[in-house]
Amino acid sequence: MTYYYAVRAVKNSVESADSNIASAMVENNVATLQIKLCTTDIYEYKMTMNEVSNFITWYTDRANGTGLPFYIFPDSTNIEPYTKIDEYIIHDKIVWFKVNEYLK
């Protein structure tokens, strides 16, 4: 998220003109996404809130009949000898999901 602001000085009750507009970028919050499946397994993923938003959009779209029947979560552990590991979560197997957001 980006915030924009201007500064105005006050001296002896006299205000200056606004400064040039400055901006500050706030880092994206992160979250733990927990997903419970009908098998009673609970999966947990650490991700940015942008990634959580993508998941929620997919979940909502799929509930409305559009989109893929699964969501892909890349596994960052990449244990040898594999070069890439992905987990596929099937939409109609999800009982609930929970988002625990926190600052980095």
N, C-alpha and C. Protein backbone atom coordinates (compact mmCIF):
# COMPACT_ATOMS: atom_id res chain seq x y z
N MET A 1 0.85 -1.16 0.00
CA MET A 1 0.00 0.00 0.00
C MET A 1 0.90 1.23 0.00
N THR A 2 0.52 2.24 -0.74
CA THR A 2 1.30 3.48 -0.80
C THR A 2 0.49 4.61 -0.19
N TYR A 3 1.15 5.37 0.69
CA TYR A 3 0.54 6.55 1.29
C TYR A 3 1.19 7.79 0.69
N TYR A 4 0.39 8.83 0.44
CA TYR A 4 0.90 10.09 -0.08
C TYR A 4 0.62 11.17 0.95
N TYR A 5 1.57 12.10 1.11
CA TYR A 5 1.37 13.16 2.09
C TYR A 5 2.13 14.41 1.67
N ALA A 6 1.69 15.55 2.22
CA ALA A 6 2.36 16.83 2.04
C ALA A 6 2.57 17.43 3.42
N VAL A 7 3.62 18.25 3.55
CA VAL A 7 3.95 18.85 4.84
C VAL A 7 3.76 20.35 4.75
N ARG A 8 3.27 20.95 5.83
CA ARG A 8 3.10 22.39 5.92
C ARG A 8 3.71 22.83 7.25
N ALA A 9 4.58 23.83 7.20
CA ALA A 9 5.23 24.34 8.42
C ALA A 9 4.42 25.49 9.00
N VAL A 10 4.48 25.62 10.33
CA VAL A 10 3.81 26.73 11.02
C VAL A 10 4.84 27.37 11.95
N LYS A 11 5.04 28.70 11.80
CA LYS A 11 5.95 29.44 12.67
C LYS A 11 5.30 30.78 12.99
N ASN A 12 5.20 31.06 14.29
CA ASN A 12 4.56 32.31 14.74
C ASN A 12 3.17 32.48 14.11
N SER A 13 2.43 31.42 14.10
CA SER A 13 1.06 31.39 13.57
C SER A 13 0.97 31.63 12.07
N VAL A 14 2.09 31.57 11.37
CA VAL A 14 2.08 31.75 9.92
C VAL A 14 2.37 30.39 9.28
N GLU A 15 1.49 29.99 8.36
CA GLU A 15 1.65 28.69 7.70
C GLU A 15 2.35 28.85 6.36
N SER A 16 3.21 27.91 6.07
CA SER A 16 3.87 27.89 4.77
C SER A 16 2.97 27.21 3.75
N ALA A 17 3.39 27.26 2.52
CA ALA A 17 2.69 26.50 1.48
C ALA A 17 2.99 25.01 1.69
N ASP A 18 2.17 24.18 1.10
CA ASP A 18 2.41 22.73 1.19
C ASP A 18 3.72 22.37 0.49
N SER A 19 4.39 21.38 1.03
CA SER A 19 5.59 20.86 0.39
C SER A 19 5.21 20.06 -0.85
N ASN A 20 6.20 19.60 -1.55
CA ASN A 20 5.94 18.65 -2.63
C ASN A 20 5.31 17.40 -2.02
N ILE A 21 4.53 16.71 -2.79
CA ILE A 21 3.90 15.49 -2.29
C ILE A 21 4.96 14.40 -2.21
N ALA A 22 4.99 13.73 -1.08
CA ALA A 22 5.91 12.61 -0.86
C ALA A 22 5.08 11.34 -0.73
N SER A 23 5.73 10.22 -0.91
CA SER A 23 5.01 8.96 -0.77
C SER A 23 5.84 7.99 0.06
N ALA A 24 5.15 7.06 0.66
CA ALA A 24 5.80 6.00 1.44
C ALA A 24 5.08 4.70 1.14
N MET A 25 5.85 3.68 0.83
CA MET A 25 5.28 2.37 0.53
C MET A 25 5.34 1.52 1.79
N VAL A 26 4.19 1.00 2.19
CA VAL A 26 4.12 0.11 3.34
C VAL A 26 4.18 -1.32 2.82
N GLU A 27 5.04 -2.12 3.41
CA GLU A 27 5.17 -3.50 2.95
C GLU A 27 3.86 -4.25 3.14
N ASN A 28 3.66 -5.17 2.24
CA ASN A 28 2.45 -6.00 2.28
C ASN A 28 2.45 -6.86 3.53
N ASN A 29 1.36 -6.83 4.26
CA ASN A 29 1.24 -7.72 5.42
C ASN A 29 1.29 -9.17 4.96
N VAL A 30 1.62 -10.02 5.88
CA VAL A 30 1.65 -11.45 5.59
C VAL A 30 0.58 -12.14 6.44
N ALA A 31 0.32 -13.38 6.11
CA ALA A 31 -0.73 -14.11 6.83
C ALA A 31 -0.43 -15.60 6.80
N THR A 32 -1.08 -16.27 7.71
CA THR A 32 -1.12 -17.72 7.69
C THR A 32 -2.54 -18.10 7.25
N LEU A 33 -2.63 -18.82 6.15
CA LEU A 33 -3.91 -19.30 5.64
C LEU A 33 -4.06 -20.75 6.07
N GLN A 34 -5.11 -21.04 6.82
CA GLN A 34 -5.40 -22.41 7.23
C GLN A 34 -6.61 -22.89 6.43
N ILE A 35 -6.51 -24.10 5.90
CA ILE A 35 -7.60 -24.68 5.12
C ILE A 35 -7.92 -26.05 5.68
N LYS A 36 -9.19 -26.25 6.08
CA LYS A 36 -9.62 -27.56 6.56
C LYS A 36 -10.37 -28.27 5.44
N LEU A 37 -9.96 -29.50 5.18
CA LEU A 37 -10.61 -30.31 4.15
C LEU A 37 -11.60 -31.27 4.78
N CYS A 38 -12.47 -31.82 3.96
CA CYS A 38 -13.47 -32.77 4.45
C CYS A 38 -12.84 -34.04 5.00
N THR A 39 -11.57 -34.25 4.72
CA THR A 39 -10.83 -35.40 5.28
C THR A 39 -10.39 -35.13 6.71
N THR A 40 -10.68 -33.95 7.22
CA THR A 40 -10.28 -33.40 8.53
C THR A 40 -8.82 -32.94 8.56
N ASP A 41 -8.10 -33.08 7.44
CA ASP A 41 -6.74 -32.54 7.37
C ASP A 41 -6.81 -31.01 7.34
N ILE A 42 -5.86 -30.38 8.02
CA ILE A 42 -5.75 -28.93 7.98
C ILE A 42 -4.40 -28.58 7.36
N TYR A 43 -4.44 -27.81 6.30
CA TYR A 43 -3.23 -27.36 5.63
C TYR A 43 -2.97 -25.91 6.03
N GLU A 44 -1.71 -25.55 6.13
CA GLU A 44 -1.35 -24.20 6.55
C GLU A 44 -0.30 -23.65 5.59
N TYR A 45 -0.53 -22.41 5.14
CA TYR A 45 0.38 -21.76 4.20
C TYR A 45 0.70 -20.36 4.70
N LYS A 46 1.97 -19.99 4.68
CA LYS A 46 2.38 -18.62 4.99
C LYS A 46 2.52 -17.89 3.67
N MET A 47 1.86 -16.73 3.57
CA MET A 47 1.82 -16.00 2.30
C MET A 47 1.53 -14.53 2.54
N THR A 48 1.69 -13.73 1.49
CA THR A 48 1.35 -12.32 1.57
C THR A 48 -0.18 -12.16 1.50
N MET A 49 -0.65 -11.01 1.93
CA MET A 49 -2.10 -10.76 1.85
C MET A 49 -2.56 -10.67 0.40
N ASN A 50 -1.67 -10.27 -0.52
CA ASN A 50 -2.04 -10.30 -1.95
C ASN A 50 -2.32 -11.73 -2.39
N GLU A 51 -1.49 -12.67 -1.94
CA GLU A 51 -1.71 -14.08 -2.28
C GLU A 51 -2.99 -14.60 -1.64
N VAL A 52 -3.27 -14.18 -0.40
CA VAL A 52 -4.52 -14.56 0.26
C VAL A 52 -5.71 -14.03 -0.54
N SER A 53 -5.60 -12.79 -0.99
CA SER A 53 -6.67 -12.19 -1.79
C SER A 53 -6.90 -12.98 -3.08
N ASN A 54 -5.82 -13.42 -3.71
CA ASN A 54 -5.95 -14.25 -4.93
C ASN A 54 -6.68 -15.56 -4.61
N PHE A 55 -6.35 -16.17 -3.48
CA PHE A 55 -7.02 -17.41 -3.09
C PHE A 55 -8.51 -17.17 -2.85
N ILE A 56 -8.85 -16.11 -2.12
CA ILE A 56 -10.25 -15.82 -1.82
C ILE A 56 -11.03 -15.52 -3.10
N THR A 57 -10.41 -14.81 -4.03
CA THR A 57 -11.05 -14.54 -5.32
C THR A 57 -11.32 -15.85 -6.05
N TRP A 58 -10.32 -16.74 -6.10
CA TRP A 58 -10.51 -18.04 -6.74
C TRP A 58 -11.64 -18.81 -6.05
N TYR A 59 -11.64 -18.83 -4.72
CA TYR A 59 -12.64 -19.58 -3.96
C TYR A 59 -14.05 -19.06 -4.28
N THR A 60 -14.20 -17.75 -4.27
CA THR A 60 -15.50 -17.13 -4.56
C THR A 60 -15.94 -17.39 -6.00
N ASP A 61 -15.01 -17.21 -6.93
CA ASP A 61 -15.33 -17.47 -8.34
C ASP A 61 -15.75 -18.92 -8.54
N ARG A 62 -15.02 -19.83 -7.93
CA ARG A 62 -15.34 -21.26 -8.08
C ARG A 62 -16.70 -21.58 -7.46
N ALA A 63 -17.01 -20.95 -6.34
CA ALA A 63 -18.32 -21.15 -5.70
C ALA A 63 -19.44 -20.66 -6.62
N ASN A 64 -19.12 -19.69 -7.48
CA ASN A 64 -20.09 -19.16 -8.43
C ASN A 64 -20.04 -19.89 -9.78
N GLY A 65 -19.27 -20.98 -9.85
CA GLY A 65 -19.26 -21.82 -11.05
C GLY A 65 -18.21 -21.50 -12.09
N THR A 66 -17.29 -20.59 -11.80
CA THR A 66 -16.23 -20.29 -12.77
C THR A 66 -14.87 -20.61 -12.16
N GLY A 67 -13.90 -20.77 -13.02
CA GLY A 67 -12.54 -21.02 -12.55
C GLY A 67 -12.21 -22.49 -12.43
N LEU A 68 -10.95 -22.75 -12.16
CA LEU A 68 -10.47 -24.13 -12.03
C LEU A 68 -11.03 -24.80 -10.78
N PRO A 69 -11.18 -26.12 -10.77
CA PRO A 69 -11.70 -26.83 -9.60
C PRO A 69 -10.65 -27.01 -8.50
N PHE A 70 -9.44 -26.52 -8.72
CA PHE A 70 -8.36 -26.66 -7.74
C PHE A 70 -7.55 -25.37 -7.68
N TYR A 71 -6.84 -25.19 -6.57
CA TYR A 71 -5.94 -24.06 -6.40
C TYR A 71 -4.55 -24.62 -6.14
N ILE A 72 -3.55 -24.03 -6.76
CA ILE A 72 -2.18 -24.53 -6.64
C ILE A 72 -1.40 -23.69 -5.64
N PHE A 73 -0.84 -24.37 -4.64
CA PHE A 73 0.05 -23.74 -3.67
C PHE A 73 1.46 -24.26 -3.91
N PRO A 74 2.38 -23.39 -4.32
CA PRO A 74 3.76 -23.86 -4.48
C PRO A 74 4.39 -24.15 -3.12
N ASP A 75 5.10 -25.24 -3.03
CA ASP A 75 5.80 -25.62 -1.80
C ASP A 75 7.22 -25.09 -1.90
N SER A 76 7.57 -24.20 -1.00
CA SER A 76 8.88 -23.54 -1.08
C SER A 76 10.02 -24.35 -0.48
N THR A 77 9.72 -25.52 0.08
CA THR A 77 10.80 -26.30 0.69
C THR A 77 11.72 -26.91 -0.35
N ASN A 78 11.17 -27.30 -1.49
CA ASN A 78 11.96 -27.87 -2.59
C ASN A 78 13.04 -28.83 -2.11
N ILE A 79 12.62 -29.91 -1.53
CA ILE A 79 13.53 -30.92 -1.02
C ILE A 79 14.10 -31.72 -2.18
N GLU A 80 15.42 -31.95 -2.12
CA GLU A 80 16.10 -32.75 -3.15
C GLU A 80 15.44 -34.11 -3.28
N PRO A 81 15.34 -34.68 -4.41
CA PRO A 81 15.92 -34.30 -5.70
C PRO A 81 14.98 -33.47 -6.55
N TYR A 82 13.86 -32.99 -5.96
CA TYR A 82 12.84 -32.29 -6.74
C TYR A 82 13.25 -30.84 -7.00
N THR A 83 12.83 -30.33 -8.14
CA THR A 83 13.10 -28.93 -8.46
C THR A 83 11.89 -28.06 -8.16
N LYS A 84 10.71 -28.69 -8.07
CA LYS A 84 9.49 -27.93 -7.79
C LYS A 84 8.46 -28.88 -7.21
N ILE A 85 7.76 -28.40 -6.18
CA ILE A 85 6.68 -29.18 -5.57
C ILE A 85 5.46 -28.26 -5.46
N ASP A 86 4.33 -28.71 -5.97
CA ASP A 86 3.07 -27.96 -5.87
C ASP A 86 2.03 -28.80 -5.15
N GLU A 87 1.20 -28.13 -4.34
CA GLU A 87 0.06 -28.80 -3.70
C GLU A 87 -1.21 -28.28 -4.36
N TYR A 88 -2.08 -29.19 -4.74
CA TYR A 88 -3.35 -28.85 -5.38
C TYR A 88 -4.47 -29.08 -4.38
N ILE A 89 -5.18 -28.01 -4.04
CA ILE A 89 -6.31 -28.11 -3.11
C ILE A 89 -7.59 -28.06 -3.94
N ILE A 90 -8.44 -29.06 -3.76
CA ILE A 90 -9.68 -29.17 -4.53
C ILE A 90 -10.79 -28.36 -3.84
N HIS A 91 -11.46 -27.51 -4.62
CA HIS A 91 -12.46 -26.60 -4.08
C HIS A 91 -13.54 -27.30 -3.27
N ASP A 92 -14.14 -28.34 -3.84
CA ASP A 92 -15.29 -28.96 -3.15
C ASP A 92 -14.88 -29.85 -1.97
N LYS A 93 -13.61 -29.90 -1.66
CA LYS A 93 -13.14 -30.63 -0.47
C LYS A 93 -12.87 -29.69 0.71
N ILE A 94 -12.99 -28.38 0.47
CA ILE A 94 -12.72 -27.39 1.52
C ILE A 94 -13.94 -27.24 2.41
N VAL A 95 -13.74 -27.44 3.71
CA VAL A 95 -14.82 -27.26 4.70
C VAL A 95 -14.82 -25.81 5.17
N TRP A 96 -13.65 -25.29 5.51
CA TRP A 96 -13.51 -23.89 5.91
C TRP A 96 -12.07 -23.45 5.69
N PHE A 97 -11.89 -22.12 5.68
CA PHE A 97 -10.52 -21.59 5.69
C PHE A 97 -10.48 -20.39 6.61
N LYS A 98 -9.30 -20.12 7.13
CA LYS A 98 -9.11 -19.07 8.13
C LYS A 98 -7.86 -18.29 7.77
N VAL A 99 -7.91 -16.95 7.89
CA VAL A 99 -6.78 -16.09 7.58
C VAL A 99 -6.34 -15.39 8.86
N ASN A 100 -5.08 -15.60 9.23
CA ASN A 100 -4.47 -14.93 10.39
C ASN A 100 -3.43 -13.96 9.86
N GLU A 101 -3.80 -12.66 9.81
CA GLU A 101 -2.91 -11.65 9.24
C GLU A 101 -2.01 -11.06 10.32
N TYR A 102 -0.78 -10.75 9.95
CA TYR A 102 0.15 -10.11 10.88
C TYR A 102 1.17 -9.29 10.09
N LEU A 103 1.86 -8.38 10.79
CA LEU A 103 2.90 -7.57 10.17
C LEU A 103 4.19 -8.35 10.12
N LYS A 104 4.99 -8.08 9.11
CA LYS A 104 6.30 -8.74 8.99
C LYS A 104 7.17 -8.35 10.15
